[in-house]
Amino acid sequence: MTKKAKNFKKSKSGVYLSLGTTAFGAISVAKQAKMARKDNDVLRLIDAGISAAAIVTGLAILYRELKRLGDDDVLLG
């Protein structure tokens, strides 16, 4: 069972699922930033900015992994 789960993480559907969950986390960070601006809370605004940078980095890594998986596919070129 665990071997199957490890292989799913490196599959295209696993990467798409990771992209979706990471993008869904961006909604939470946007809400956090909006509340921080409303409350004039600088510390929460900094936290939201750092979280947003982590999300952007995560999406870039997942995109790179998706391109690597596509390189193995003959039809994708």
N, C-alpha and C. Protein backbone atom coordinates (compact mmCIF):
# COMPACT_ATOMS: atom_id res chain seq x y z
N MET A 1 0.82 -1.19 0.00
CA MET A 1 0.00 0.00 0.00
C MET A 1 0.87 1.26 0.00
N THR A 2 1.93 1.29 0.80
CA THR A 2 2.76 2.49 0.85
C THR A 2 3.55 2.69 -0.43
N LYS A 3 3.93 1.59 -1.09
CA LYS A 3 4.64 1.71 -2.36
C LYS A 3 3.74 2.34 -3.41
N LYS A 4 2.46 1.99 -3.37
CA LYS A 4 1.50 2.56 -4.32
C LYS A 4 1.35 4.07 -4.09
N ALA A 5 1.35 4.47 -2.83
CA ALA A 5 1.22 5.89 -2.51
C ALA A 5 2.47 6.67 -2.94
N LYS A 6 3.64 6.07 -2.80
CA LYS A 6 4.87 6.75 -3.22
C LYS A 6 4.90 6.93 -4.73
N ASN A 7 4.42 5.95 -5.46
CA ASN A 7 4.38 6.07 -6.92
C ASN A 7 3.36 7.10 -7.37
N PHE A 8 2.27 7.28 -6.60
CA PHE A 8 1.25 8.26 -6.97
C PHE A 8 1.82 9.67 -6.89
N LYS A 9 2.70 9.91 -5.93
CA LYS A 9 3.28 11.25 -5.76
C LYS A 9 4.09 11.66 -6.98
N LYS A 10 4.70 10.71 -7.68
CA LYS A 10 5.51 11.01 -8.85
C LYS A 10 4.73 10.87 -10.16
N SER A 11 3.44 10.60 -10.08
CA SER A 11 2.64 10.47 -11.30
C SER A 11 2.07 11.82 -11.70
N LYS A 12 1.58 11.88 -12.94
CA LYS A 12 0.99 13.14 -13.42
C LYS A 12 -0.23 13.54 -12.60
N SER A 13 -1.07 12.57 -12.28
CA SER A 13 -2.26 12.90 -11.50
C SER A 13 -1.88 13.37 -10.09
N GLY A 14 -0.81 12.80 -9.54
CA GLY A 14 -0.34 13.25 -8.23
C GLY A 14 0.18 14.68 -8.26
N VAL A 15 0.88 15.02 -9.34
CA VAL A 15 1.39 16.39 -9.48
C VAL A 15 0.23 17.37 -9.67
N TYR A 16 -0.76 16.97 -10.47
CA TYR A 16 -1.93 17.83 -10.65
C TYR A 16 -2.67 18.04 -9.33
N LEU A 17 -2.79 16.99 -8.54
CA LEU A 17 -3.44 17.10 -7.24
C LEU A 17 -2.65 18.04 -6.33
N SER A 18 -1.34 17.93 -6.35
CA SER A 18 -0.49 18.82 -5.55
C SER A 18 -0.62 20.27 -6.01
N LEU A 19 -0.68 20.48 -7.33
CA LEU A 19 -0.88 21.83 -7.86
C LEU A 19 -2.20 22.42 -7.37
N GLY A 20 -3.24 21.60 -7.39
CA GLY A 20 -4.56 22.07 -6.94
C GLY A 20 -4.59 22.42 -5.47
N THR A 21 -4.00 21.57 -4.64
CA THR A 21 -4.01 21.85 -3.21
C THR A 21 -3.15 23.06 -2.87
N THR A 22 -2.05 23.24 -3.58
CA THR A 22 -1.21 24.40 -3.36
C THR A 22 -1.93 25.68 -3.78
N ALA A 23 -2.61 25.62 -4.91
CA ALA A 23 -3.38 26.78 -5.36
C ALA A 23 -4.52 27.08 -4.40
N PHE A 24 -5.11 26.05 -3.83
CA PHE A 24 -6.17 26.25 -2.84
C PHE A 24 -5.62 26.93 -1.59
N GLY A 25 -4.38 26.62 -1.24
CA GLY A 25 -3.73 27.30 -0.12
C GLY A 25 -3.51 28.78 -0.38
N ALA A 26 -3.38 29.14 -1.65
CA ALA A 26 -3.21 30.55 -2.01
C ALA A 26 -4.44 31.36 -1.64
N ILE A 27 -5.60 30.74 -1.71
CA ILE A 27 -6.84 31.44 -1.33
C ILE A 27 -6.80 31.79 0.16
N SER A 28 -6.32 30.87 0.96
CA SER A 28 -6.21 31.11 2.40
C SER A 28 -5.23 32.24 2.70
N VAL A 29 -4.12 32.26 1.98
CA VAL A 29 -3.11 33.31 2.18
C VAL A 29 -3.67 34.66 1.75
N ALA A 30 -4.44 34.68 0.68
CA ALA A 30 -5.05 35.94 0.23
C ALA A 30 -6.03 36.47 1.28
N LYS A 31 -6.81 35.58 1.88
CA LYS A 31 -7.73 35.99 2.94
C LYS A 31 -6.97 36.52 4.15
N GLN A 32 -5.86 35.85 4.48
CA GLN A 32 -5.04 36.29 5.61
C GLN A 32 -4.46 37.68 5.35
N ALA A 33 -4.00 37.94 4.15
CA ALA A 33 -3.45 39.24 3.81
C ALA A 33 -4.53 40.32 3.85
N LYS A 34 -5.71 39.97 3.38
CA LYS A 34 -6.82 40.94 3.38
C LYS A 34 -7.20 41.32 4.82
N MET A 35 -7.26 40.33 5.70
CA MET A 35 -7.59 40.60 7.10
C MET A 35 -6.48 41.41 7.78
N ALA A 36 -5.24 41.11 7.43
CA ALA A 36 -4.11 41.83 8.03
C ALA A 36 -4.13 43.30 7.61
N ARG A 37 -4.45 43.54 6.34
CA ARG A 37 -4.55 44.93 5.88
C ARG A 37 -5.69 45.66 6.58
N LYS A 38 -6.80 44.96 6.73
CA LYS A 38 -7.98 45.56 7.37
C LYS A 38 -7.69 45.93 8.83
N ASP A 39 -6.95 45.02 9.54
CA ASP A 39 -6.64 45.25 10.94
C ASP A 39 -5.35 46.04 11.16
N ASN A 40 -4.66 46.41 10.07
CA ASN A 40 -3.37 47.10 10.14
C ASN A 40 -2.36 46.30 10.98
N ASP A 41 -2.36 44.98 10.78
CA ASP A 41 -1.45 44.09 11.51
C ASP A 41 -0.24 43.78 10.62
N VAL A 42 0.86 44.44 10.90
CA VAL A 42 2.06 44.33 10.07
C VAL A 42 2.65 42.93 10.14
N LEU A 43 2.65 42.33 11.32
CA LEU A 43 3.25 41.02 11.49
C LEU A 43 2.49 39.95 10.69
N ARG A 44 1.17 40.00 10.72
CA ARG A 44 0.38 39.05 9.93
C ARG A 44 0.53 39.31 8.44
N LEU A 45 0.72 40.55 8.07
CA LEU A 45 0.94 40.88 6.66
C LEU A 45 2.28 40.33 6.18
N ILE A 46 3.30 40.42 7.02
CA ILE A 46 4.61 39.84 6.68
C ILE A 46 4.49 38.33 6.56
N ASP A 47 3.75 37.71 7.49
CA ASP A 47 3.55 36.27 7.45
C ASP A 47 2.84 35.85 6.16
N ALA A 48 1.85 36.62 5.75
CA ALA A 48 1.13 36.32 4.50
C ALA A 48 2.06 36.47 3.30
N GLY A 49 2.94 37.46 3.33
CA GLY A 49 3.88 37.63 2.22
C GLY A 49 4.87 36.48 2.11
N ILE A 50 5.35 36.03 3.26
CA ILE A 50 6.28 34.90 3.25
C ILE A 50 5.56 33.63 2.81
N SER A 51 4.33 33.44 3.25
CA SER A 51 3.55 32.28 2.83
C SER A 51 3.28 32.33 1.33
N ALA A 52 3.01 33.51 0.81
CA ALA A 52 2.77 33.65 -0.63
C ALA A 52 4.03 33.30 -1.42
N ALA A 53 5.19 33.71 -0.92
CA ALA A 53 6.44 33.37 -1.59
C ALA A 53 6.67 31.86 -1.58
N ALA A 54 6.32 31.21 -0.48
CA ALA A 54 6.45 29.75 -0.40
C ALA A 54 5.50 29.06 -1.37
N ILE A 55 4.32 29.59 -1.55
CA ILE A 55 3.36 29.01 -2.48
C ILE A 55 3.86 29.17 -3.91
N VAL A 56 4.38 30.33 -4.24
CA VAL A 56 4.91 30.55 -5.59
C VAL A 56 6.07 29.60 -5.87
N THR A 57 6.95 29.43 -4.90
CA THR A 57 8.07 28.51 -5.06
C THR A 57 7.58 27.07 -5.22
N GLY A 58 6.61 26.69 -4.42
CA GLY A 58 6.04 25.34 -4.52
C GLY A 58 5.40 25.09 -5.86
N LEU A 59 4.66 26.07 -6.38
CA LEU A 59 4.05 25.92 -7.70
C LEU A 59 5.10 25.81 -8.79
N ALA A 60 6.19 26.55 -8.66
CA ALA A 60 7.26 26.48 -9.65
C ALA A 60 7.92 25.10 -9.64
N ILE A 61 8.13 24.55 -8.46
CA ILE A 61 8.72 23.21 -8.36
C ILE A 61 7.78 22.16 -8.94
N LEU A 62 6.50 22.27 -8.65
CA LEU A 62 5.53 21.32 -9.19
C LEU A 62 5.42 21.44 -10.71
N TYR A 63 5.50 22.65 -11.23
CA TYR A 63 5.47 22.85 -12.68
C TYR A 63 6.69 22.20 -13.33
N ARG A 64 7.85 22.36 -12.70
CA ARG A 64 9.06 21.73 -13.22
C ARG A 64 8.93 20.21 -13.22
N GLU A 65 8.35 19.65 -12.16
CA GLU A 65 8.14 18.21 -12.08
C GLU A 65 7.17 17.74 -13.15
N LEU A 66 6.16 18.53 -13.42
CA LEU A 66 5.19 18.19 -14.46
C LEU A 66 5.85 18.20 -15.83
N LYS A 67 6.74 19.16 -16.06
CA LYS A 67 7.47 19.19 -17.33
C LYS A 67 8.39 17.97 -17.47
N ARG A 68 9.01 17.56 -16.37
CA ARG A 68 9.88 16.38 -16.41
C ARG A 68 9.07 15.13 -16.74
N LEU A 69 7.89 15.02 -16.15
CA LEU A 69 7.05 13.87 -16.45
C LEU A 69 6.61 13.90 -17.90
N GLY A 70 6.39 15.10 -18.44
CA GLY A 70 5.99 15.24 -19.84
C GLY A 70 7.10 14.91 -20.79
N ASP A 71 8.37 15.08 -20.38
CA ASP A 71 9.50 14.77 -21.24
C ASP A 71 9.58 13.29 -21.57
N ASP A 72 9.07 12.46 -20.65
CA ASP A 72 9.09 11.01 -20.88
C ASP A 72 8.02 10.58 -21.88
N ASP A 73 7.03 11.41 -22.10
CA ASP A 73 5.93 11.07 -22.99
C ASP A 73 6.30 11.40 -24.42
N VAL A 74 6.22 10.43 -25.30
CA VAL A 74 6.61 10.61 -26.70
C VAL A 74 5.64 11.55 -27.41
N LEU A 75 4.37 11.48 -27.06
CA LEU A 75 3.36 12.29 -27.76
C LEU A 75 3.45 13.77 -27.42
N LEU A 76 3.98 14.09 -26.23
CA LEU A 76 4.07 15.51 -25.84
C LEU A 76 5.27 16.21 -26.47
N GLY A 77 6.18 15.45 -27.00
CA GLY A 77 7.33 16.05 -27.68
C GLY A 77 8.39 16.35 -26.74
